[in-house]
PDB file of N, CA and C in Angstrom:
ATOM      1  N   MET A   1      63.895  46.819  14.168  1.00  0.00           N
ATOM      2  CA  MET A   1      62.977  47.779  13.576  1.00  0.00           C
ATOM      3  C   MET A   1      62.544  48.965  14.506  1.00  0.00           C
ATOM      4  N   GLY A   2      62.706  50.056  14.022  1.00  0.00           N
ATOM      5  CA  GLY A   2      62.367  51.303  14.936  1.00  0.00           C
ATOM      6  C   GLY A   2      60.852  51.605  14.983  1.00  0.00           C
ATOM      7  N   VAL A   3      60.664  52.348  15.979  1.00  0.00           N
ATOM      8  CA  VAL A   3      59.080  52.602  16.285  1.00  0.00           C
ATOM      9  C   VAL A   3      59.076  54.062  15.945  1.00  0.00           C
ATOM     10  N   ASN A   4      58.034  54.322  15.219  1.00  0.00           N
ATOM     11  CA  ASN A   4      57.775  55.810  14.830  1.00  0.00           C
ATOM     12  C   ASN A   4      57.075  56.521  15.889  1.00  0.00           C
ATOM     13  N   TYR A   5      57.856  57.024  16.974  1.00  0.00           N
ATOM     14  CA  TYR A   5      57.262  57.549  17.950  1.00  0.00           C
ATOM     15  C   TYR A   5      56.285  58.710  17.766  1.00  0.00           C
ATOM     16  N   SER A   6      56.532  59.577  16.792  1.00  0.00           N
ATOM     17  CA  SER A   6      55.716  60.661  16.496  1.00  0.00           C
ATOM     18  C   SER A   6      54.424  60.214  16.140  1.00  0.00           C
ATOM     19  N   THR A   7      54.307  59.185  15.187  1.00  0.00           N
ATOM     20  CA  THR A   7      52.998  58.709  14.821  1.00  0.00           C
ATOM     21  C   THR A   7      52.040  57.819  15.824  1.00  0.00           C
ATOM     22  N   LEU A   8      52.866  56.956  16.436  1.00  0.00           N
ATOM     23  CA  LEU A   8      52.209  55.965  17.263  1.00  0.00           C
ATOM     24  C   LEU A   8      51.855  56.649  18.620  1.00  0.00           C
ATOM     25  N   ILE A   9      52.891  57.385  19.175  1.00  0.00           N
ATOM     26  CA  ILE A   9      52.459  57.979  20.576  1.00  0.00           C
ATOM     27  C   ILE A   9      52.211  59.502  20.505  1.00  0.00           C
ATOM     28  N   LEU A  10      52.678  60.295  19.828  1.00  0.00           N
ATOM     29  CA  LEU A  10      52.444  61.758  19.760  1.00  0.00           C
ATOM     30  C   LEU A  10      51.119  62.039  19.115  1.00  0.00           C
ATOM     31  N   LEU A  11      50.872  61.566  17.989  1.00  0.00           N
ATOM     32  CA  LEU A  11      49.695  61.863  17.061  1.00  0.00           C
ATOM     33  C   LEU A  11      48.388  61.736  17.953  1.00  0.00           C
ATOM     34  N   PRO A  12      48.182  60.564  18.555  1.00  0.00           N
ATOM     35  CA  PRO A  12      46.876  60.498  19.280  1.00  0.00           C
ATOM     36  C   PRO A  12      46.845  61.398  20.459  1.00  0.00           C
ATOM     37  N   ASN A  13      47.956  61.695  21.051  1.00  0.00           N
ATOM     38  CA  ASN A  13      47.793  62.855  22.116  1.00  0.00           C
ATOM     39  C   ASN A  13      47.646  64.135  21.507  1.00  0.00           C
ATOM     40  N   TYR A  14      48.085  64.465  20.406  1.00  0.00           N
ATOM     41  CA  TYR A  14      47.816  65.790  19.791  1.00  0.00           C
ATOM     42  C   TYR A  14      46.319  65.915  19.332  1.00  0.00           C
ATOM     43  N   GLU A  15      45.936  64.769  18.844  1.00  0.00           N
ATOM     44  CA  GLU A  15      44.530  64.624  18.480  1.00  0.00           C
ATOM     45  C   GLU A  15      43.430  65.003  19.588  1.00  0.00           C
ATOM     46  N   PHE A  16      43.941  64.518  20.852  1.00  0.00           N
ATOM     47  CA  PHE A  16      42.971  64.830  22.049  1.00  0.00           C
ATOM     48  C   PHE A  16      43.379  66.170  22.766  1.00  0.00           C
ATOM     49  N   PHE A  17      44.748  66.526  22.860  1.00  0.00           N
ATOM     50  CA  PHE A  17      44.935  67.666  23.769  1.00  0.00           C
ATOM     51  C   PHE A  17      45.268  68.986  23.181  1.00  0.00           C
ATOM     52  N   ALA A  18      45.803  68.852  21.647  1.00  0.00           N
ATOM     53  CA  ALA A  18      46.263  69.955  21.177  1.00  0.00           C
ATOM     54  C   ALA A  18      45.113  71.224  20.990  1.00  0.00           C
ATOM     55  N   ARG A  19      45.646  72.307  20.998  1.00  0.00           N
ATOM     56  CA  ARG A  19      44.693  73.578  20.671  1.00  0.00           C
ATOM     57  C   ARG A  19      45.365  74.295  19.503  1.00  0.00           C
ATOM     58  N   ASP A  20      44.553  75.005  18.818  1.00  0.00           N
ATOM     59  CA  ASP A  20      44.966  75.904  17.829  1.00  0.00           C
ATOM     60  C   ASP A  20      45.794  76.994  18.156  1.00  0.00           C
ATOM     61  N   ILE A  21      46.720  77.331  17.248  1.00  0.00           N
ATOM     62  CA  ILE A  21      47.591  78.347  17.619  1.00  0.00           C
ATOM     63  C   ILE A  21      47.882  79.047  16.337  1.00  0.00           C
ATOM     64  N   THR A  22      48.430  80.500  16.362  1.00  0.00           N
ATOM     65  CA  THR A  22      48.842  80.954  15.368  1.00  0.00           C
ATOM     66  C   THR A  22      50.273  81.341  15.469  1.00  0.00           C
ATOM     67  N   VAL A  23      51.104  81.130  14.562  1.00  0.00           N
ATOM     68  CA  VAL A  23      52.705  81.354  14.721  1.00  0.00           C
ATOM     69  C   VAL A  23      53.022  82.349  13.789  1.00  0.00           C
ATOM     70  N   THR A  24      53.798  83.396  14.340  1.00  0.00           N
ATOM     71  CA  THR A  24      54.279  84.410  13.415  1.00  0.00           C
ATOM     72  C   THR A  24      55.667  84.231  13.413  1.00  0.00           C
ATOM     73  N   PRO A  25      56.278  83.829  12.330  1.00  0.00           N
ATOM     74  CA  PRO A  25      57.635  83.328  12.222  1.00  0.00           C
ATOM     75  C   PRO A  25      58.744  84.536  12.133  1.00  0.00           C
ATOM     76  N   VAL A  26      58.736  85.292  12.962  1.00  0.00           N
ATOM     77  CA  VAL A  26      59.651  86.488  13.016  1.00  0.00           C
ATOM     78  C   VAL A  26      61.003  86.015  12.596  1.00  0.00           C
ATOM     79  N   VAL A  27      61.580  85.083  13.440  1.00  0.00           N
ATOM     80  CA  VAL A  27      62.947  84.560  13.408  1.00  0.00           C
ATOM     81  C   VAL A  27      63.268  83.489  12.413  1.00  0.00           C
ATOM     82  N   SER A  28      62.340  82.540  12.580  1.00  0.00           N
ATOM     83  CA  SER A  28      62.612  81.353  11.907  1.00  0.00           C
ATOM     84  C   SER A  28      62.321  81.460  10.347  1.00  0.00           C
ATOM     85  N   GLN A  29      61.408  82.326   9.951  1.00  0.00           N
ATOM     86  CA  GLN A  29      61.201  82.583   8.600  1.00  0.00           C
ATOM     87  C   GLN A  29      60.729  84.128   8.210  1.00  0.00           C
ATOM     88  N   PRO A  30      61.774  84.782   8.333  1.00  0.00           N
ATOM     89  CA  PRO A  30      61.553  86.434   8.224  1.00  0.00           C
ATOM     90  C   PRO A  30      60.779  86.418   6.906  1.00  0.00           C
ATOM     91  N   GLY A  31      59.714  87.413   7.110  1.00  0.00           N
ATOM     92  CA  GLY A  31      58.910  87.856   5.806  1.00  0.00           C
ATOM     93  C   GLY A  31      57.770  86.833   5.538  1.00  0.00           C
ATOM     94  N   VAL A  32      57.667  85.786   6.152  1.00  0.00           N
ATOM     95  CA  VAL A  32      56.568  84.708   5.904  1.00  0.00           C
ATOM     96  C   VAL A  32      55.461  85.216   6.765  1.00  0.00           C
ATOM     97  N   PRO A  33      54.136  85.172   6.324  1.00  0.00           N
ATOM     98  CA  PRO A  33      52.989  85.562   7.075  1.00  0.00           C
ATOM     99  C   PRO A  33      52.794  84.564   8.063  1.00  0.00           C
ATOM    100  N   ALA A  34      52.024  85.013   9.175  1.00  0.00           N
ATOM    101  CA  ALA A  34      51.487  84.154  10.192  1.00  0.00           C
ATOM    102  C   ALA A  34      50.644  82.899   9.659  1.00  0.00           C
ATOM    103  N   TYR A  35      50.899  81.964  10.239  1.00  0.00           N
ATOM    104  CA  TYR A  35      49.965  80.685   9.899  1.00  0.00           C
ATOM    105  C   TYR A  35      49.547  79.976  11.138  1.00  0.00           C
ATOM    106  N   ALA A  36      48.415  79.231  10.724  1.00  0.00           N
ATOM    107  CA  ALA A  36      47.635  78.315  11.785  1.00  0.00           C
ATOM    108  C   ALA A  36      48.538  77.066  11.978  1.00  0.00           C
ATOM    109  N   ALA A  37      48.440  76.546  13.265  1.00  0.00           N
ATOM    110  CA  ALA A  37      49.228  75.244  13.583  1.00  0.00           C
ATOM    111  C   ALA A  37      48.445  74.838  14.909  1.00  0.00           C
ATOM    112  N   ARG A  38      48.878  73.840  15.611  1.00  0.00           N
ATOM    113  CA  ARG A  38      48.524  73.387  16.944  1.00  0.00           C
ATOM    114  C   ARG A  38      49.609  72.919  17.964  1.00  0.00           C
ATOM    115  N   GLY A  39      49.365  72.958  19.066  1.00  0.00           N
ATOM    116  CA  GLY A  39      50.311  72.506  20.035  1.00  0.00           C
ATOM    117  C   GLY A  39      49.538  72.375  21.305  1.00  0.00           C
ATOM    118  N   ILE A  40      50.334  71.566  22.314  1.00  0.00           N
ATOM    119  CA  ILE A  40      49.898  71.336  23.614  1.00  0.00           C
ATOM    120  C   ILE A  40      50.396  72.240  24.617  1.00  0.00           C
ATOM    121  N   TYR A  41      49.591  73.073  25.239  1.00  0.00           N
ATOM    122  CA  TYR A  41      49.797  74.181  26.045  1.00  0.00           C
ATOM    123  C   TYR A  41      49.786  73.710  27.648  1.00  0.00           C
ATOM    124  N   ASP A  42      50.850  74.056  28.281  1.00  0.00           N
ATOM    125  CA  ASP A  42      50.915  73.635  29.798  1.00  0.00           C
ATOM    126  C   ASP A  42      51.665  74.784  30.473  1.00  0.00           C
ATOM    127  N   THR A  43      51.443  74.892  31.822  1.00  0.00           N
ATOM    128  CA  THR A  43      52.183  75.575  32.651  1.00  0.00           C
ATOM    129  C   THR A  43      52.824  74.891  33.898  1.00  0.00           C
ATOM    130  N   GLU A  44      54.015  75.040  34.150  1.00  0.00           N
ATOM    131  CA  GLU A  44      54.593  74.102  35.211  1.00  0.00           C
ATOM    132  C   GLU A  44      54.976  75.129  36.306  1.00  0.00           C
ATOM    133  N   VAL A  45      54.795  74.545  37.418  1.00  0.00           N
ATOM    134  CA  VAL A  45      55.333  75.267  38.645  1.00  0.00           C
ATOM    135  C   VAL A  45      56.771  75.205  38.836  1.00  0.00           C
ATOM    136  N   ILE A  46      57.424  76.168  39.229  1.00  0.00           N
ATOM    137  CA  ILE A  46      58.920  76.113  39.540  1.00  0.00           C
ATOM    138  C   ILE A  46      59.099  76.507  40.977  1.00  0.00           C
ATOM    139  N   GLU A  47      59.601  75.706  41.678  1.00  0.00           N
ATOM    140  CA  GLU A  47      59.954  75.970  43.320  1.00  0.00           C
ATOM    141  C   GLU A  47      61.372  76.113  43.390  1.00  0.00           C
ATOM    142  N   ILE A  48      61.731  77.155  43.969  1.00  0.00           N
ATOM    143  CA  ILE A  48      63.281  77.464  44.199  1.00  0.00           C
ATOM    144  C   ILE A  48      63.536  77.666  45.692  1.00  0.00           C
ATOM    145  N   PRO A  49      64.187  76.764  46.437  1.00  0.00           N
ATOM    146  CA  PRO A  49      64.421  76.856  47.852  1.00  0.00           C
ATOM    147  C   PRO A  49      65.278  78.191  48.062  1.00  0.00           C
ATOM    148  N   GLY A  50      64.754  78.916  49.051  1.00  0.00           N
ATOM    149  CA  GLY A  50      65.439  80.141  49.435  1.00  0.00           C
ATOM    150  C   GLY A  50      66.186  80.009  50.753  1.00  0.00           C
ATOM    151  N   ASP A  51      66.465  80.959  51.491  1.00  0.00           N
ATOM    152  CA  ASP A  51      67.024  81.020  52.832  1.00  0.00           C
ATOM    153  C   ASP A  51      66.126  80.464  53.796  1.00  0.00           C
ATOM    154  N   GLY A  52      66.749  79.751  54.778  1.00  0.00           N
ATOM    155  CA  GLY A  52      65.750  79.277  55.934  1.00  0.00           C
ATOM    156  C   GLY A  52      64.827  78.214  55.126  1.00  0.00           C
ATOM    157  N   MET A  53      63.482  78.475  55.538  1.00  0.00           N
ATOM    158  CA  MET A  53      62.367  77.640  55.104  1.00  0.00           C
ATOM    159  C   MET A  53      61.599  78.287  53.931  1.00  0.00           C
ATOM    160  N   SER A  54      62.097  79.401  53.361  1.00  0.00           N
ATOM    161  CA  SER A  54      61.338  80.048  52.390  1.00  0.00           C
ATOM    162  C   SER A  54      61.490  79.260  51.135  1.00  0.00           C
ATOM    163  N   ILE A  55      60.476  79.609  50.185  1.00  0.00           N
ATOM    164  CA  ILE A  55      60.332  78.972  48.799  1.00  0.00           C
ATOM    165  C   ILE A  55      59.960  79.927  47.903  1.00  0.00           C
ATOM    166  N   ILE A  56      60.611  80.292  46.856  1.00  0.00           N
ATOM    167  CA  ILE A  56      60.339  81.119  45.800  1.00  0.00           C
ATOM    168  C   ILE A  56      59.683  80.275  44.721  1.00  0.00           C
ATOM    169  N   THR A  57      58.531  80.813  44.382  1.00  0.00           N
ATOM    170  CA  THR A  57      57.781  80.079  43.371  1.00  0.00           C
ATOM    171  C   THR A  57      57.708  80.988  42.062  1.00  0.00           C
ATOM    172  N   ASP A  58      57.634  80.286  40.947  1.00  0.00           N
ATOM    173  CA  ASP A  58      57.472  80.961  39.576  1.00  0.00           C
ATOM    174  C   ASP A  58      56.813  79.896  38.735  1.00  0.00           C
ATOM    175  N   GLN A  59      56.576  80.217  37.583  1.00  0.00           N
ATOM    176  CA  GLN A  59      56.116  79.264  36.516  1.00  0.00           C
ATOM    177  C   GLN A  59      56.721  79.355  35.298  1.00  0.00           C
ATOM    178  N   ARG A  60      56.702  78.161  34.526  1.00  0.00           N
ATOM    179  CA  ARG A  60      57.254  78.149  33.157  1.00  0.00           C
ATOM    180  C   ARG A  60      56.072  77.711  32.238  1.00  0.00           C
ATOM    181  N   THR A  61      55.729  78.511  31.310  1.00  0.00           N
ATOM    182  CA  THR A  61      54.728  78.268  30.297  1.00  0.00           C
ATOM    183  C   THR A  61      55.336  77.593  29.082  1.00  0.00           C
ATOM    184  N   ILE A  62      54.732  76.430  28.732  1.00  0.00           N
ATOM    185  CA  ILE A  62      55.441  75.782  27.605  1.00  0.00           C
ATOM    186  C   ILE A  62      54.332  75.346  26.564  1.00  0.00           C
ATOM    187  N   LEU A  63      54.693  75.264  25.270  1.00  0.00           N
ATOM    188  CA  LEU A  63      53.954  74.671  24.269  1.00  0.00           C
ATOM    189  C   LEU A  63      54.495  73.553  23.428  1.00  0.00           C
ATOM    190  N   ASP A  64      54.192  72.333  23.427  1.00  0.00           N
ATOM    191  CA  ASP A  64      54.827  71.223  22.814  1.00  0.00           C
ATOM    192  C   ASP A  64      54.159  71.275  21.350  1.00  0.00           C
ATOM    193  N   VAL A  65      55.139  71.064  20.339  1.00  0.00           N
ATOM    194  CA  VAL A  65      54.585  70.836  18.976  1.00  0.00           C
ATOM    195  C   VAL A  65      55.127  69.745  18.248  1.00  0.00           C
ATOM    196  N   ARG A  66      54.476  69.229  17.579  1.00  0.00           N
ATOM    197  CA  ARG A  66      54.901  68.053  16.673  1.00  0.00           C
ATOM    198  C   ARG A  66      55.659  68.567  15.499  1.00  0.00           C
ATOM    199  N   GLU A  67      57.027  68.236  15.537  1.00  0.00           N
ATOM    200  CA  GLU A  67      57.856  68.619  14.423  1.00  0.00           C
ATOM    201  C   GLU A  67      57.409  68.268  12.984  1.00  0.00           C
ATOM    202  N   ILE A  68      56.770  67.216  12.658  1.00  0.00           N
ATOM    203  CA  ILE A  68      56.456  66.855  11.430  1.00  0.00           C
ATOM    204  C   ILE A  68      55.305  67.668  10.996  1.00  0.00           C
ATOM    205  N   GLU A  69      54.543  68.515  11.695  1.00  0.00           N
ATOM    206  CA  GLU A  69      53.558  69.366  11.327  1.00  0.00           C
ATOM    207  C   GLU A  69      54.060  70.659  10.889  1.00  0.00           C
ATOM    208  N   PHE A  70      55.375  70.923  10.861  1.00  0.00           N
ATOM    209  CA  PHE A  70      55.783  72.219  10.489  1.00  0.00           C
ATOM    210  C   PHE A  70      56.827  72.051   9.597  1.00  0.00           C
ATOM    211  N   GLY A  71      56.889  73.022   8.529  1.00  0.00           N
ATOM    212  CA  GLY A  71      57.995  73.014   7.476  1.00  0.00           C
ATOM    213  C   GLY A  71      59.339  73.433   8.261  1.00  0.00           C
ATOM    214  N   VAL A  72      59.122  74.575   9.092  1.00  0.00           N
ATOM    215  CA  VAL A  72      60.149  75.022   9.926  1.00  0.00           C
ATOM    216  C   VAL A  72      59.617  75.323  11.414  1.00  0.00           C
ATOM    217  N   VAL A  73      60.160  74.533  12.285  1.00  0.00           N
ATOM    218  CA  VAL A  73      59.631  74.474  13.670  1.00  0.00           C
ATOM    219  C   VAL A  73      60.003  75.957  14.297  1.00  0.00           C
ATOM    220  N   PRO A  74      59.061  76.350  14.932  1.00  0.00           N
ATOM    221  CA  PRO A  74      59.323  77.772  15.495  1.00  0.00           C
ATOM    222  C   PRO A  74      60.581  77.765  16.360  1.00  0.00           C
ATOM    223  N   VAL A  75      61.149  78.949  16.591  1.00  0.00           N
ATOM    224  CA  VAL A  75      62.520  79.155  17.448  1.00  0.00           C
ATOM    225  C   VAL A  75      62.332  80.353  18.154  1.00  0.00           C
ATOM    226  N   GLN A  76      63.364  80.490  19.024  1.00  0.00           N
ATOM    227  CA  GLN A  76      63.503  81.606  19.941  1.00  0.00           C
ATOM    228  C   GLN A  76      63.234  82.987  19.179  1.00  0.00           C
ATOM    229  N   GLY A  77      62.302  83.891  19.621  1.00  0.00           N
ATOM    230  CA  GLY A  77      62.042  85.219  18.910  1.00  0.00           C
ATOM    231  C   GLY A  77      60.748  85.134  18.034  1.00  0.00           C
ATOM    232  N   ASP A  78      60.229  83.905  17.736  1.00  0.00           N
ATOM    233  CA  ASP A  78      59.063  83.841  17.057  1.00  0.00           C
ATOM    234  C   ASP A  78      57.842  84.140  17.939  1.00  0.00           C
ATOM    235  N   LEU A  79      56.633  84.571  17.258  1.00  0.00           N
ATOM    236  CA  LEU A  79      55.513  84.811  18.242  1.00  0.00           C
ATOM    237  C   LEU A  79      54.438  83.806  18.000  1.00  0.00           C
ATOM    238  N   ILE A  80      53.741  83.521  19.135  1.00  0.00           N
ATOM    239  CA  ILE A  80      52.716  82.449  19.222  1.00  0.00           C
ATOM    240  C   ILE A  80      51.446  83.127  19.715  1.00  0.00           C
ATOM    241  N   ALA A  81      50.327  83.053  18.988  1.00  0.00           N
ATOM    242  CA  ALA A  81      49.070  83.342  19.673  1.00  0.00           C
ATOM    243  C   ALA A  81      48.158  82.182  19.897  1.00  0.00           C
ATOM    244  N   ILE A  82      47.629  82.148  21.221  1.00  0.00           N
ATOM    245  CA  ILE A  82      46.818  80.839  21.466  1.00  0.00           C
ATOM    246  C   ILE A  82      45.375  81.509  21.684  1.00  0.00           C
ATOM    247  N   GLY A  83      44.401  81.130  20.770  1.00  0.00           N
ATOM    248  CA  GLY A  83      43.196  81.504  20.893  1.00  0.00           C
ATOM    249  C   GLY A  83      42.307  80.867  21.739  1.00  0.00           C
ATOM    250  N   PRO A  84      40.938  81.015  21.914  1.00  0.00           N
ATOM    251  CA  PRO A  84      39.991  80.272  22.597  1.00  0.00           C
ATOM    252  C   PRO A  84      39.927  78.763  22.066  1.00  0.00           C
ATOM    253  N   ASP A  85      39.518  77.913  22.801  1.00  0.00           N
ATOM    254  CA  ASP A  85      39.441  76.608  22.528  1.00  0.00           C
ATOM    255  C   ASP A  85      38.293  75.814  23.291  1.00  0.00           C
ATOM    256  N   GLY A  86      37.114  75.801  22.600  1.00  0.00           N
ATOM    257  CA  GLY A  86      35.987  75.186  23.288  1.00  0.00           C
ATOM    258  C   GLY A  86      35.644  76.125  24.630  1.00  0.00           C
ATOM    259  N   ASP A  87      35.616  75.477  25.761  1.00  0.00           N
ATOM    260  CA  ASP A  87      35.323  76.336  26.862  1.00  0.00           C
ATOM    261  C   ASP A  87      36.665  77.087  27.537  1.00  0.00           C
ATOM    262  N   ASN A  88      37.750  76.722  26.946  1.00  0.00           N
ATOM    263  CA  ASN A  88      39.018  77.315  27.379  1.00  0.00           C
ATOM    264  C   ASN A  88      39.139  78.796  26.710  1.00  0.00           C
ATOM    265  N   PRO A  89      39.525  79.862  27.578  1.00  0.00           N
ATOM    266  CA  PRO A  89      39.474  81.154  27.087  1.00  0.00           C
ATOM    267  C   PRO A  89      40.687  81.490  26.198  1.00  0.00           C
ATOM    268  N   ASP A  90      40.602  82.570  25.526  1.00  0.00           N
ATOM    269  CA  ASP A  90      41.920  83.115  24.901  1.00  0.00           C
ATOM    270  C   ASP A  90      43.020  83.292  25.795  1.00  0.00           C
ATOM    271  N   LEU A  91      44.176  82.735  25.482  1.00  0.00           N
ATOM    272  CA  LEU A  91      45.269  82.829  26.230  1.00  0.00           C
ATOM    273  C   LEU A  91      46.067  84.074  26.023  1.00  0.00           C
ATOM    274  N   GLY A  92      46.017  84.510  24.658  1.00  0.00           N
ATOM    275  CA  GLY A  92      46.945  85.734  24.364  1.00  0.00           C
ATOM    276  C   GLY A  92      47.922  85.414  23.460  1.00  0.00           C
ATOM    277  N   SER A  93      48.862  86.439  23.450  1.00  0.00           N
ATOM    278  CA  SER A  93      50.107  86.332  22.696  1.00  0.00           C
ATOM    279  C   SER A  93      51.290  85.998  23.552  1.00  0.00           C
ATOM    280  N   PHE A  94      52.320  85.262  22.797  1.00  0.00           N
ATOM    281  CA  PHE A  94      53.526  84.875  23.645  1.00  0.00           C
ATOM    282  C   PHE A  94      54.807  84.960  22.654  1.00  0.00           C
ATOM    283  N   ASP A  95      55.785  85.338  23.237  1.00  0.00           N
ATOM    284  CA  ASP A  95      57.148  85.224  22.823  1.00  0.00           C
ATOM    285  C   ASP A  95      57.925  83.989  23.008  1.00  0.00           C
ATOM    286  N   VAL A  96      58.373  83.227  21.910  1.00  0.00           N
ATOM    287  CA  VAL A  96      59.233  82.056  22.275  1.00  0.00           C
ATOM    288  C   VAL A  96      60.375  82.410  22.904  1.00  0.00           C
ATOM    289  N   ILE A  97      60.900  82.119  23.991  1.00  0.00           N
ATOM    290  CA  ILE A  97      62.176  82.524  24.612  1.00  0.00           C
ATOM    291  C   ILE A  97      63.077  81.318  24.821  1.00  0.00           C
ATOM    292  N   ASP A  98      62.791  79.948  24.487  1.00  0.00           N
ATOM    293  CA  ASP A  98      63.797  78.872  24.531  1.00  0.00           C
ATOM    294  C   ASP A  98      63.008  77.832  23.597  1.00  0.00           C
ATOM    295  N   ALA A  99      63.687  76.822  22.992  1.00  0.00           N
ATOM    296  CA  ALA A  99      63.183  75.815  22.560  1.00  0.00           C
ATOM    297  C   ALA A  99      64.137  74.647  22.538  1.00  0.00           C
ATOM    298  N   TRP A 100      63.479  73.441  22.586  1.00  0.00           N
ATOM    299  CA  TRP A 100      64.417  72.065  22.578  1.00  0.00           C
ATOM    300  C   TRP A 100      63.654  71.113  21.991  1.00  0.00           C
ATOM    301  N   THR A 101      64.365  70.140  21.413  1.00  0.00           N
ATOM    302  CA  THR A 101      63.626  69.050  20.756  1.00  0.00           C
ATOM    303  C   THR A 101      63.943  67.786  21.750  1.00  0.00           C
ATOM    304  N   ASN A 102      62.990  66.835  21.794  1.00  0.00           N
ATOM    305  CA  ASN A 102      63.022  65.774  22.646  1.00  0.00           C
ATOM    306  C   ASN A 102      63.756  64.507  21.929  1.00  0.00           C
ATOM    307  N   GLY A 103      63.981  64.775  20.570  1.00  0.00           N
ATOM    308  CA  GLY A 103      64.699  63.711  19.885  1.00  0.00           C
ATOM    309  C   GLY A 103      63.769  62.758  19.160  1.00  0.00           C
ATOM    310  N   GLY A 104      62.333  62.745  19.547  1.00  0.00           N
ATOM    311  CA  GLY A 104      61.403  61.798  19.283  1.00  0.00           C
ATOM    312  C   GLY A 104      60.402  62.332  18.442  1.00  0.00           C
ATOM    313  N   GLY A 105      60.547  63.662  17.877  1.00  0.00           N
ATOM    314  CA  GLY A 105      59.735  64.271  16.988  1.00  0.00           C
ATOM    315  C   GLY A 105      58.791  65.390  17.634  1.00  0.00           C
ATOM    316  N   GLU A 106      59.177  65.863  18.770  1.00  0.00           N
ATOM    317  CA  GLU A 106      58.524  66.827  19.683  1.00  0.00           C
ATOM    318  C   GLU A 106      59.475  67.973  19.889  1.00  0.00           C
ATOM    319  N   THR A 107      59.041  69.112  19.852  1.00  0.00           N
ATOM    320  CA  THR A 107      59.685  70.277  20.213  1.00  0.00           C
ATOM    321  C   THR A 107      58.952  70.932  21.379  1.00  0.00           C
ATOM    322  N   THR A 108      59.743  71.357  22.486  1.00  0.00           N
ATOM    323  CA  THR A 108      59.021  72.154  23.504  1.00  0.00           C
ATOM    324  C   THR A 108      59.565  73.638  23.450  1.00  0.00           C
ATOM    325  N   LEU A 109      58.466  74.446  23.388  1.00  0.00           N
ATOM    326  CA  LEU A 109      58.760  75.875  23.148  1.00  0.00           C
ATOM    327  C   LEU A 109      58.440  76.636  24.545  1.00  0.00           C
ATOM    328  N   VAL A 110      59.439  77.228  25.001  1.00  0.00           N
ATOM    329  CA  VAL A 110      59.215  78.025  26.343  1.00  0.00           C
ATOM    330  C   VAL A 110      58.582  79.341  26.004  1.00  0.00           C
ATOM    331  N   LEU A 111      57.413  79.737  26.579  1.00  0.00           N
ATOM    332  CA  LEU A 111      56.773  80.996  26.180  1.00  0.00           C
ATOM    333  C   LEU A 111      56.860  82.017  27.236  1.00  0.00           C
ATOM    334  N   ARG A 112      56.872  83.271  26.979  1.00  0.00           N
ATOM    335  CA  ARG A 112      56.691  84.351  27.771  1.00  0.00           C
ATOM    336  C   ARG A 112      55.423  85.279  27.165  1.00  0.00           C
ATOM    337  N   GLN A 113      54.444  85.390  28.075  1.00  0.00           N
ATOM    338  CA  GLN A 113      53.309  86.138  27.667  1.00  0.00           C
ATOM    339  C   GLN A 113      53.576  87.619  27.399  1.00  0.00           C
ATOM    340  N   ILE A 114      53.092  88.031  26.303  1.00  0.00           N
ATOM    341  CA  ILE A 114      53.316  89.417  25.935  1.00  0.00           C
ATOM    342  C   ILE A 114      52.204  90.296  26.523  1.00  0.00           C
ATOM    343  N   VAL A 115      52.400  91.099  27.367  1.00  0.00           N
ATOM    344  CA  VAL A 115      51.360  91.895  28.295  1.00  0.00           C
ATOM    345  C   VAL A 115      51.558  93.338  27.684  1.00  0.00           C
ATOM    346  N   PRO A 116      50.455  94.029  27.368  1.00  0.00           N
ATOM    347  CA  PRO A 116      50.662  95.432  26.886  1.00  0.00           C
ATOM    348  C   PRO A 116      50.800  96.311  28.174  1.00  0.00           C
ATOM    349  N   ALA A 117      51.703  97.314  28.031  1.00  0.00           N
ATOM    350  CA  ALA A 117      52.016  98.337  29.043  1.00  0.00           C
ATOM    351  C   ALA A 117      50.829  99.197  29.336  1.00  0.00           C
ATOM    352  N   TYR A 118      50.647  99.433  30.653  1.00  0.00           N
ATOM    353  CA  TYR A 118      49.483 100.440  30.938  1.00  0.00           C
ATOM    354  C   TYR A 118      49.926 101.716  31.294  1.00  0.00           C
ATOM    355  N   PRO A 119      49.466 102.882  31.039  1.00  0.00           N
ATOM    356  CA  PRO A 119      50.010 104.158  31.332  1.00  0.00           C
ATOM    357  C   PRO A 119      49.802 104.407  32.754  1.00  0.00           C
TER     358      PRO A 119
END
């Protein structure tokens, strides 16, 4: 007998940690208007060893989404807006630059923040 990982494990976590998002499905569903959804936002540190004792650091911003909550899961090129959530501030707009599934009902979207150019 299989375990429904999405319902038994992911759902309680999403009920607690997920925040509201707006998806504009530019690539996954061209012509479809933006819609509300939810996901778990996180930023991970990336450390790359350099020459000698130096370390180059960067970050990877991700958003995990429960696949069952989407008719079509967002893909590379779609846009995500993450608004305020309780005491957490508005995070802004992001472009999905990569996506992969964990095979258990969750897809991780790698995000790149869209920052307006200043003159």
